[in-house]
Amino acid sequence: MRWKILNKDKNIIKILLENRGIKDVKNFLDPPWPQFSLAADKAIKRIKKAIKDREPIVIYGDYDVDGICATAIMWETLHAMGAQVMPFLPQREKEGYGLSKEGIDQIEAKLIIVVDSGIVAHEAVMYAKQKGMEVIIIDHHEKPKKLPKALAIIHTDKLCAAGIAYFLGKQLQDRGDTLELAAIATVADMVPLTGVNRSIVKHGLKSLSETQR
């Protein structure tokens, strides 16, 4: 049996998308290169100082896809900038979820950059400070009314953690070769594939098909 197209209106795609609340059809079907600006001046200044002074930095990640990709993006970016940096992924059974006292006891650093968690880690941030460590938090989870007393907090609920890490990396050093990791995390963390996230996935998939990873 052959399908018969009853409505041959050339705008049928536009109509279908608008029925789903998508009005900017052009950017939805052909999204531009991803652009996003983060309020991260304080964090960037501190990271660059740590690199200049050869201070040990730890990227404190998470064990899901978003957390691992965000950790990799931040480590690769800082490593390329000459930082003395190491990644740390907590073990669920030993250190639990997110920044924890148990995890902090496993690392040696002057600066901890927490990705994909930390927005509610009040006690752990204070514990790190007591041990002479400064903490920068990169997170996309819901903000509490009271924030941890970290050196800096970079937060948006518009992106996954790897998306935030990607754009922070761009602001630190104009690097575009981690976009495929941000795309993987954006899909895996199930954020809405509209706007900047759609751009990340569209162009990140192209990068993924060309990467030598």
C-alpha atoms as a PDB file:
ATOM      1  CA  MET A   1       0.000   0.000   0.000  1.00  0.00           C
ATOM      2  CA  ARG A   2       1.289   3.491  -0.851  1.00  0.00           C
ATOM      3  CA  TRP A   3       0.754   6.507   1.355  1.00  0.00           C
ATOM      4  CA  LYS A   4      -1.336   9.287  -0.126  1.00  0.00           C
ATOM      5  CA  ILE A   5      -0.281  12.769   0.929  1.00  0.00           C
ATOM      6  CA  LEU A   6      -3.527  14.699   1.295  1.00  0.00           C
ATOM      7  CA  ASN A   7      -1.993  18.004   2.334  1.00  0.00           C
ATOM      8  CA  LYS A   8       0.792  19.039  -0.030  1.00  0.00           C
ATOM      9  CA  ASP A   9       1.330  22.396   1.697  1.00  0.00           C
ATOM     10  CA  LYS A  10       5.094  23.093   1.676  1.00  0.00           C
ATOM     11  CA  ASN A  11       4.729  24.564   5.159  1.00  0.00           C
ATOM     12  CA  ILE A  12       3.585  21.254   6.670  1.00  0.00           C
ATOM     13  CA  ILE A  13       6.841  20.888   8.663  1.00  0.00           C
ATOM     14  CA  LYS A  14       6.417  24.414   9.996  1.00  0.00           C
ATOM     15  CA  ILE A  15       2.836  23.634  11.005  1.00  0.00           C
ATOM     16  CA  LEU A  16       3.796  20.379  12.740  1.00  0.00           C
ATOM     17  CA  LEU A  17       6.563  22.051  14.708  1.00  0.00           C
ATOM     18  CA  GLU A  18       4.431  25.043  15.671  1.00  0.00           C
ATOM     19  CA  ASN A  19       1.775  22.607  16.911  1.00  0.00           C
ATOM     20  CA  ARG A  20       4.430  21.430  19.351  1.00  0.00           C
ATOM     21  CA  GLY A  21       5.241  24.944  20.490  1.00  0.00           C
ATOM     22  CA  ILE A  22       8.309  25.388  18.254  1.00  0.00           C
ATOM     23  CA  LYS A  23       8.078  28.724  16.467  1.00  0.00           C
ATOM     24  CA  ASP A  24      11.698  29.290  15.466  1.00  0.00           C
ATOM     25  CA  VAL A  25      11.691  26.531  12.868  1.00  0.00           C
ATOM     26  CA  LYS A  26      14.930  27.545  11.140  1.00  0.00           C
ATOM     27  CA  ASN A  27      17.059  27.445  14.287  1.00  0.00           C
ATOM     28  CA  PHE A  28      15.349  24.242  15.427  1.00  0.00           C
ATOM     29  CA  LEU A  29      16.129  22.380  12.201  1.00  0.00           C
ATOM     30  CA  ASP A  30      19.498  24.027  11.600  1.00  0.00           C
ATOM     31  CA  PRO A  31      20.783  25.259  14.972  1.00  0.00           C
ATOM     32  CA  PRO A  32      23.712  27.708  15.013  1.00  0.00           C
ATOM     33  CA  TRP A  33      27.067  27.049  16.672  1.00  0.00           C
ATOM     34  CA  PRO A  34      26.442  26.891  20.446  1.00  0.00           C
ATOM     35  CA  GLN A  35      26.912  30.137  22.334  1.00  0.00           C
ATOM     36  CA  PHE A  36      26.346  30.763  26.046  1.00  0.00           C
ATOM     37  CA  SER A  37      27.785  33.282  28.478  1.00  0.00           C
ATOM     38  CA  LEU A  38      28.494  32.335  32.093  1.00  0.00           C
ATOM     39  CA  ALA A  39      28.927  34.677  35.048  1.00  0.00           C
ATOM     40  CA  ALA A  40      32.301  33.185  35.949  1.00  0.00           C
ATOM     41  CA  ASP A  41      34.801  36.033  36.333  1.00  0.00           C
ATOM     42  CA  LYS A  42      35.745  35.203  39.938  1.00  0.00           C
ATOM     43  CA  ALA A  43      36.208  31.502  39.160  1.00  0.00           C
ATOM     44  CA  ILE A  44      38.268  32.227  36.041  1.00  0.00           C
ATOM     45  CA  LYS A  45      40.540  34.621  37.930  1.00  0.00           C
ATOM     46  CA  ARG A  46      41.153  32.032  40.675  1.00  0.00           C
ATOM     47  CA  ILE A  47      41.782  29.192  38.218  1.00  0.00           C
ATOM     48  CA  LYS A  48      44.301  31.251  36.250  1.00  0.00           C
ATOM     49  CA  LYS A  49      46.090  32.195  39.473  1.00  0.00           C
ATOM     50  CA  ALA A  50      46.285  28.525  40.470  1.00  0.00           C
ATOM     51  CA  ILE A  51      47.780  27.672  37.079  1.00  0.00           C
ATOM     52  CA  LYS A  52      50.308  30.504  37.285  1.00  0.00           C
ATOM     53  CA  ASP A  53      51.346  29.580  40.838  1.00  0.00           C
ATOM     54  CA  ARG A  54      51.496  25.837  40.021  1.00  0.00           C
ATOM     55  CA  GLU A  55      48.973  25.048  42.736  1.00  0.00           C
ATOM     56  CA  PRO A  56      47.555  21.510  42.706  1.00  0.00           C
ATOM     57  CA  ILE A  57      43.979  21.465  41.377  1.00  0.00           C
ATOM     58  CA  VAL A  58      41.488  18.602  41.588  1.00  0.00           C
ATOM     59  CA  ILE A  59      38.403  18.279  39.379  1.00  0.00           C
ATOM     60  CA  TYR A  60      35.919  16.576  41.697  1.00  0.00           C
ATOM     61  CA  GLY A  61      33.389  14.858  39.455  1.00  0.00           C
ATOM     62  CA  ASP A  62      30.461  12.488  39.568  1.00  0.00           C
ATOM     63  CA  TYR A  63      30.037   8.919  38.363  1.00  0.00           C
ATOM     64  CA  ASP A  64      27.206   9.392  35.865  1.00  0.00           C
ATOM     65  CA  VAL A  65      27.705  10.275  32.190  1.00  0.00           C
ATOM     66  CA  ASP A  66      27.269  14.007  32.749  1.00  0.00           C
ATOM     67  CA  GLY A  67      29.663  14.036  35.693  1.00  0.00           C
ATOM     68  CA  ILE A  68      32.337  12.022  33.895  1.00  0.00           C
ATOM     69  CA  CYS A  69      32.112  14.148  30.738  1.00  0.00           C
ATOM     70  CA  ALA A  70      32.193  17.381  32.741  1.00  0.00           C
ATOM     71  CA  THR A  71      35.241  16.123  34.633  1.00  0.00           C
ATOM     72  CA  ALA A  72      37.004  15.214  31.391  1.00  0.00           C
ATOM     73  CA  ILE A  73      36.220  18.596  29.806  1.00  0.00           C
ATOM     74  CA  MET A  74      37.559  20.547  32.767  1.00  0.00           C
ATOM     75  CA  TRP A  75      40.642  18.334  33.140  1.00  0.00           C
ATOM     76  CA  GLU A  76      41.512  18.546  29.427  1.00  0.00           C
ATOM     77  CA  THR A  77      41.021  22.313  29.375  1.00  0.00           C
ATOM     78  CA  LEU A  78      43.170  23.009  32.430  1.00  0.00           C
ATOM     79  CA  HIS A  79      45.794  20.445  31.445  1.00  0.00           C
ATOM     80  CA  ALA A  80      46.124  22.158  28.051  1.00  0.00           C
ATOM     81  CA  MET A  81      46.645  25.435  29.904  1.00  0.00           C
ATOM     82  CA  GLY A  82      49.554  23.946  31.846  1.00  0.00           C
ATOM     83  CA  ALA A  83      47.731  23.363  35.128  1.00  0.00           C
ATOM     84  CA  GLN A  84      48.880  20.892  37.748  1.00  0.00           C
ATOM     85  CA  VAL A  85      45.489  19.172  37.703  1.00  0.00           C
ATOM     86  CA  MET A  86      44.063  15.737  38.453  1.00  0.00           C
ATOM     87  CA  PRO A  87      40.530  14.299  38.135  1.00  0.00           C
ATOM     88  CA  PHE A  88      38.746  12.585  41.025  1.00  0.00           C
ATOM     89  CA  LEU A  89      35.585  10.488  40.676  1.00  0.00           C
ATOM     90  CA  PRO A  90      34.082   9.392  44.008  1.00  0.00           C
ATOM     91  CA  GLN A  91      33.124   5.777  44.580  1.00  0.00           C
ATOM     92  CA  ARG A  92      29.462   5.422  45.425  1.00  0.00           C
ATOM     93  CA  GLU A  93      30.076   2.913  48.229  1.00  0.00           C
ATOM     94  CA  LYS A  94      32.981   4.772  49.852  1.00  0.00           C
ATOM     95  CA  GLU A  95      32.510   8.493  49.238  1.00  0.00           C
ATOM     96  CA  GLY A  96      28.805   8.599  48.339  1.00  0.00           C
ATOM     97  CA  TYR A  97      27.252  11.183  46.009  1.00  0.00           C
ATOM     98  CA  GLY A  98      28.721  14.629  45.495  1.00  0.00           C
ATOM     99  CA  LEU A  99      31.387  16.489  47.426  1.00  0.00           C
ATOM    100  CA  SER A 100      31.899  14.732  50.763  1.00  0.00           C
ATOM    101  CA  LYS A 101      34.300  14.702  53.696  1.00  0.00           C
ATOM    102  CA  GLU A 102      35.289  11.153  52.749  1.00  0.00           C
ATOM    103  CA  GLY A 103      36.127  12.247  49.222  1.00  0.00           C
ATOM    104  CA  ILE A 104      38.024  15.343  50.355  1.00  0.00           C
ATOM    105  CA  ASP A 105      40.185  13.140  52.599  1.00  0.00           C
ATOM    106  CA  GLN A 106      41.295  11.212  49.494  1.00  0.00           C
ATOM    107  CA  ILE A 107      42.728  14.214  47.659  1.00  0.00           C
ATOM    108  CA  GLU A 108      45.456  16.801  48.013  1.00  0.00           C
ATOM    109  CA  ALA A 109      44.753  20.161  46.429  1.00  0.00           C
ATOM    110  CA  LYS A 110      44.768  23.883  46.968  1.00  0.00           C
ATOM    111  CA  LEU A 111      41.758  24.281  44.689  1.00  0.00           C
ATOM    112  CA  ILE A 112      38.830  21.890  44.194  1.00  0.00           C
ATOM    113  CA  ILE A 113      36.539  22.380  41.199  1.00  0.00           C
ATOM    114  CA  VAL A 114      33.339  20.424  41.812  1.00  0.00           C
ATOM    115  CA  VAL A 115      31.339  19.507  38.705  1.00  0.00           C
ATOM    116  CA  ASP A 116      27.762  18.177  38.522  1.00  0.00           C
ATOM    117  CA  SER A 117      27.150  18.531  42.261  1.00  0.00           C
ATOM    118  CA  GLY A 118      28.036  20.734  45.204  1.00  0.00           C
ATOM    119  CA  ILE A 119      25.155  23.191  45.149  1.00  0.00           C
ATOM    120  CA  VAL A 120      23.930  21.831  48.526  1.00  0.00           C
ATOM    121  CA  ALA A 121      27.290  20.680  49.939  1.00  0.00           C
ATOM    122  CA  HIS A 122      27.421  23.120  52.861  1.00  0.00           C
ATOM    123  CA  GLU A 123      29.266  20.884  55.319  1.00  0.00           C
ATOM    124  CA  ALA A 124      31.713  19.489  52.764  1.00  0.00           C
ATOM    125  CA  VAL A 125      32.659  22.965  51.527  1.00  0.00           C
ATOM    126  CA  MET A 126      33.305  24.121  55.093  1.00  0.00           C
ATOM    127  CA  TYR A 127      35.352  20.969  55.731  1.00  0.00           C
ATOM    128  CA  ALA A 128      37.473  21.655  52.647  1.00  0.00           C
ATOM    129  CA  LYS A 129      38.065  25.232  53.807  1.00  0.00           C
ATOM    130  CA  GLN A 130      39.173  23.964  57.215  1.00  0.00           C
ATOM    131  CA  LYS A 131      41.758  21.823  55.403  1.00  0.00           C
ATOM    132  CA  GLY A 132      43.073  24.868  53.524  1.00  0.00           C
ATOM    133  CA  MET A 133      41.306  24.132  50.227  1.00  0.00           C
ATOM    134  CA  GLU A 134      39.228  26.562  48.181  1.00  0.00           C
ATOM    135  CA  VAL A 135      36.172  25.311  46.319  1.00  0.00           C
ATOM    136  CA  ILE A 136      34.582  26.318  43.018  1.00  0.00           C
ATOM    137  CA  ILE A 137      31.204  24.730  42.276  1.00  0.00           C
ATOM    138  CA  ILE A 138      29.889  24.025  38.759  1.00  0.00           C
ATOM    139  CA  ASP A 139      26.343  22.708  38.990  1.00  0.00           C
ATOM    140  CA  HIS A 140      22.969  22.687  37.240  1.00  0.00           C
ATOM    141  CA  HIS A 141      20.765  21.161  39.921  1.00  0.00           C
ATOM    142  CA  GLU A 142      18.096  23.166  41.721  1.00  0.00           C
ATOM    143  CA  LYS A 143      19.500  26.026  43.773  1.00  0.00           C
ATOM    144  CA  PRO A 144      18.670  26.025  47.490  1.00  0.00           C
ATOM    145  CA  LYS A 145      17.764  29.281  49.205  1.00  0.00           C
ATOM    146  CA  LYS A 146      21.067  29.186  51.093  1.00  0.00           C
ATOM    147  CA  LEU A 147      24.195  28.454  49.057  1.00  0.00           C
ATOM    148  CA  PRO A 148      27.427  26.835  50.274  1.00  0.00           C
ATOM    149  CA  LYS A 149      30.217  29.268  51.177  1.00  0.00           C
ATOM    150  CA  ALA A 150      32.359  28.323  48.192  1.00  0.00           C
ATOM    151  CA  LEU A 151      34.852  30.677  46.587  1.00  0.00           C
ATOM    152  CA  ALA A 152      32.656  30.801  43.473  1.00  0.00           C
ATOM    153  CA  ILE A 153      29.507  29.084  42.207  1.00  0.00           C
ATOM    154  CA  ILE A 154      28.786  28.760  38.487  1.00  0.00           C
ATOM    155  CA  HIS A 155      25.181  27.684  38.084  1.00  0.00           C
ATOM    156  CA  THR A 156      22.520  27.512  35.412  1.00  0.00           C
ATOM    157  CA  ASP A 157      19.594  25.151  34.907  1.00  0.00           C
ATOM    158  CA  LYS A 158      19.710  25.737  31.135  1.00  0.00           C
ATOM    159  CA  LEU A 159      22.560  23.248  30.582  1.00  0.00           C
ATOM    160  CA  CYS A 160      23.859  19.989  31.937  1.00  0.00           C
ATOM    161  CA  ALA A 161      27.101  20.088  33.947  1.00  0.00           C
ATOM    162  CA  ALA A 162      29.218  19.158  30.931  1.00  0.00           C
ATOM    163  CA  GLY A 163      27.582  21.978  28.978  1.00  0.00           C
ATOM    164  CA  ILE A 164      28.580  24.426  31.704  1.00  0.00           C
ATOM    165  CA  ALA A 165      32.098  22.968  31.768  1.00  0.00           C
ATOM    166  CA  TYR A 166      32.346  23.332  27.985  1.00  0.00           C
ATOM    167  CA  PHE A 167      31.428  27.025  28.023  1.00  0.00           C
ATOM    168  CA  LEU A 168      33.629  27.696  31.042  1.00  0.00           C
ATOM    169  CA  GLY A 169      36.462  26.073  29.104  1.00  0.00           C
ATOM    170  CA  LYS A 170      35.743  28.383  26.180  1.00  0.00           C
ATOM    171  CA  GLN A 171      35.918  31.408  28.478  1.00  0.00           C
ATOM    172  CA  LEU A 172      39.152  30.166  30.045  1.00  0.00           C
ATOM    173  CA  GLN A 173      40.771  29.255  26.752  1.00  0.00           C
ATOM    174  CA  ASP A 174      39.082  29.188  23.354  1.00  0.00           C
ATOM    175  CA  ARG A 175      38.965  25.423  22.887  1.00  0.00           C
ATOM    176  CA  GLY A 176      36.311  23.684  20.803  1.00  0.00           C
ATOM    177  CA  ASP A 177      37.560  20.117  20.858  1.00  0.00           C
ATOM    178  CA  THR A 178      35.503  18.990  23.861  1.00  0.00           C
ATOM    179  CA  LEU A 179      32.118  19.666  22.267  1.00  0.00           C
ATOM    180  CA  GLU A 180      31.528  15.968  21.570  1.00  0.00           C
ATOM    181  CA  LEU A 181      31.736  15.241  25.307  1.00  0.00           C
ATOM    182  CA  ALA A 182      29.212  17.988  26.038  1.00  0.00           C
ATOM    183  CA  ALA A 183      26.893  16.488  23.398  1.00  0.00           C
ATOM    184  CA  ILE A 184      27.061  12.996  24.914  1.00  0.00           C
ATOM    185  CA  ALA A 185      26.285  14.375  28.375  1.00  0.00           C
ATOM    186  CA  THR A 186      23.458  16.602  27.097  1.00  0.00           C
ATOM    187  CA  VAL A 187      21.694  13.580  25.585  1.00  0.00           C
ATOM    188  CA  ALA A 188      22.416  11.252  28.525  1.00  0.00           C
ATOM    189  CA  ASP A 189      21.207  13.781  31.146  1.00  0.00           C
ATOM    190  CA  MET A 190      17.949  14.241  29.199  1.00  0.00           C
ATOM    191  CA  VAL A 191      17.899  18.037  29.198  1.00  0.00           C
ATOM    192  CA  PRO A 192      15.408  19.577  26.714  1.00  0.00           C
ATOM    193  CA  LEU A 193      16.891  19.504  23.198  1.00  0.00           C
ATOM    194  CA  THR A 194      15.972  23.073  22.368  1.00  0.00           C
ATOM    195  CA  GLY A 195      17.952  26.294  22.143  1.00  0.00           C
ATOM    196  CA  VAL A 196      21.618  26.039  23.084  1.00  0.00           C
ATOM    197  CA  ASN A 197      21.307  22.361  24.030  1.00  0.00           C
ATOM    198  CA  ARG A 198      20.111  21.537  20.526  1.00  0.00           C
ATOM    199  CA  SER A 199      23.106  23.416  19.143  1.00  0.00           C
ATOM    200  CA  ILE A 200      25.452  21.455  21.411  1.00  0.00           C
ATOM    201  CA  VAL A 201      24.041  18.141  20.228  1.00  0.00           C
ATOM    202  CA  LYS A 202      23.819  19.057  16.531  1.00  0.00           C
ATOM    203  CA  HIS A 203      27.417  20.256  16.267  1.00  0.00           C
ATOM    204  CA  GLY A 204      28.725  17.890  18.934  1.00  0.00           C
ATOM    205  CA  LEU A 205      27.496  14.849  16.989  1.00  0.00           C
ATOM    206  CA  LYS A 206      29.407  16.090  13.974  1.00  0.00           C
ATOM    207  CA  SER A 207      32.532  16.441  16.140  1.00  0.00           C
ATOM    208  CA  LEU A 208      31.889  12.960  17.555  1.00  0.00           C
ATOM    209  CA  SER A 209      31.917  11.456  14.067  1.00  0.00           C
ATOM    210  CA  GLU A 210      35.327  13.031  13.419  1.00  0.00           C
ATOM    211  CA  THR A 211      37.066  12.533  16.761  1.00  0.00           C
ATOM    212  CA  GLN A 212      40.009  10.201  17.240  1.00  0.00           C
ATOM    213  CA  ARG A 213      38.976   9.390  20.835  1.00  0.00           C
END
